[in-house]
Amino acid sequence: MRLIKGGSSRIIRQEFPELQEFLWGDSFWADGYFVSTHSTVTEDIIKDYIRNQA
């Protein structure tokens, strides 16, 4: 997961340098990540996960 998040962060920062003003510190992504099977995840579960990121 670290490789995916690190690589995608680098690509996004290169393609959209204007996002830098909206970032806090050096981190682009939150420390954690969400994993579940497709049959158990509802839209409400994903929305709740996103809302509770700190």
C-alpha atoms as a PDB file:
ATOM      1  CA  MET A   1       0.000   0.000   0.000  1.00  0.00           C
ATOM      2  CA  ARG A   2       2.899   2.337   0.758  1.00  0.00           C
ATOM      3  CA  LEU A   3       4.154   1.979  -2.831  1.00  0.00           C
ATOM      4  CA  ILE A   4       0.739   2.687  -4.300  1.00  0.00           C
ATOM      5  CA  LYS A   5       0.144   5.733  -2.115  1.00  0.00           C
ATOM      6  CA  GLY A   6       3.681   7.062  -2.598  1.00  0.00           C
ATOM      7  CA  GLY A   7       3.642   6.603  -6.361  1.00  0.00           C
ATOM      8  CA  SER A   8       0.202   8.093  -6.846  1.00  0.00           C
ATOM      9  CA  SER A   9       1.119  11.041  -4.607  1.00  0.00           C
ATOM     10  CA  ARG A  10       4.188  11.775  -6.724  1.00  0.00           C
ATOM     11  CA  ILE A  11       2.219  11.624  -9.979  1.00  0.00           C
ATOM     12  CA  ILE A  12      -0.613  13.805  -8.674  1.00  0.00           C
ATOM     13  CA  ARG A  13       1.831  16.400  -7.287  1.00  0.00           C
ATOM     14  CA  GLN A  14       3.607  16.562 -10.666  1.00  0.00           C
ATOM     15  CA  GLU A  15       0.420  16.869 -12.703  1.00  0.00           C
ATOM     16  CA  PHE A  16      -1.342  19.274 -10.334  1.00  0.00           C
ATOM     17  CA  PRO A  17       1.259  21.484  -8.601  1.00  0.00           C
ATOM     18  CA  GLU A  18      -1.475  23.948  -7.627  1.00  0.00           C
ATOM     19  CA  LEU A  19      -2.696  21.421  -5.040  1.00  0.00           C
ATOM     20  CA  GLN A  20       0.368  22.160  -2.905  1.00  0.00           C
ATOM     21  CA  GLU A  21      -1.368  25.168  -1.350  1.00  0.00           C
ATOM     22  CA  PHE A  22      -4.136  22.874  -0.034  1.00  0.00           C
ATOM     23  CA  LEU A  23      -1.831  20.274   1.556  1.00  0.00           C
ATOM     24  CA  TRP A  24      -0.862  20.182   5.209  1.00  0.00           C
ATOM     25  CA  GLY A  25       2.771  19.268   5.747  1.00  0.00           C
ATOM     26  CA  ASP A  26       4.519  16.680   3.616  1.00  0.00           C
ATOM     27  CA  SER A  27       1.730  14.079   3.592  1.00  0.00           C
ATOM     28  CA  PHE A  28      -0.574  13.813   0.611  1.00  0.00           C
ATOM     29  CA  TRP A  29      -2.591  10.811   1.820  1.00  0.00           C
ATOM     30  CA  ALA A  30      -3.754   9.901   5.336  1.00  0.00           C
ATOM     31  CA  ASP A  31      -1.690   7.265   7.166  1.00  0.00           C
ATOM     32  CA  GLY A  32      -4.329   4.543   6.986  1.00  0.00           C
ATOM     33  CA  TYR A  33      -6.318   2.897   4.236  1.00  0.00           C
ATOM     34  CA  PHE A  34      -9.641   1.102   3.844  1.00  0.00           C
ATOM     35  CA  VAL A  35      -9.950  -2.498   2.673  1.00  0.00           C
ATOM     36  CA  SER A  36     -13.075  -4.605   2.364  1.00  0.00           C
ATOM     37  CA  THR A  37     -14.665  -7.057  -0.014  1.00  0.00           C
ATOM     38  CA  HIS A  38     -17.032  -5.641  -2.584  1.00  0.00           C
ATOM     39  CA  SER A  39     -20.030  -7.564  -1.277  1.00  0.00           C
ATOM     40  CA  THR A  40     -19.872  -6.086   2.234  1.00  0.00           C
ATOM     41  CA  VAL A  41     -19.286  -2.414   1.464  1.00  0.00           C
ATOM     42  CA  THR A  42     -22.128   0.012   1.028  1.00  0.00           C
ATOM     43  CA  GLU A  43     -21.911   3.621  -0.040  1.00  0.00           C
ATOM     44  CA  ASP A  44     -22.763   4.635   3.533  1.00  0.00           C
ATOM     45  CA  ILE A  45     -19.798   2.666   4.918  1.00  0.00           C
ATOM     46  CA  ILE A  46     -17.407   4.409   2.529  1.00  0.00           C
ATOM     47  CA  LYS A  47     -18.872   7.850   3.297  1.00  0.00           C
ATOM     48  CA  ASP A  48     -18.539   7.179   7.038  1.00  0.00           C
ATOM     49  CA  TYR A  49     -14.891   6.114   6.590  1.00  0.00           C
ATOM     50  CA  ILE A  50     -14.080   9.290   4.645  1.00  0.00           C
ATOM     51  CA  ARG A  51     -15.887  11.547   7.155  1.00  0.00           C
ATOM     52  CA  ASN A  52     -13.930  10.071  10.072  1.00  0.00           C
ATOM     53  CA  GLN A  53     -10.445  10.601   8.634  1.00  0.00           C
ATOM     54  CA  ALA A  54      -8.368  12.779  10.927  1.00  0.00           C
END
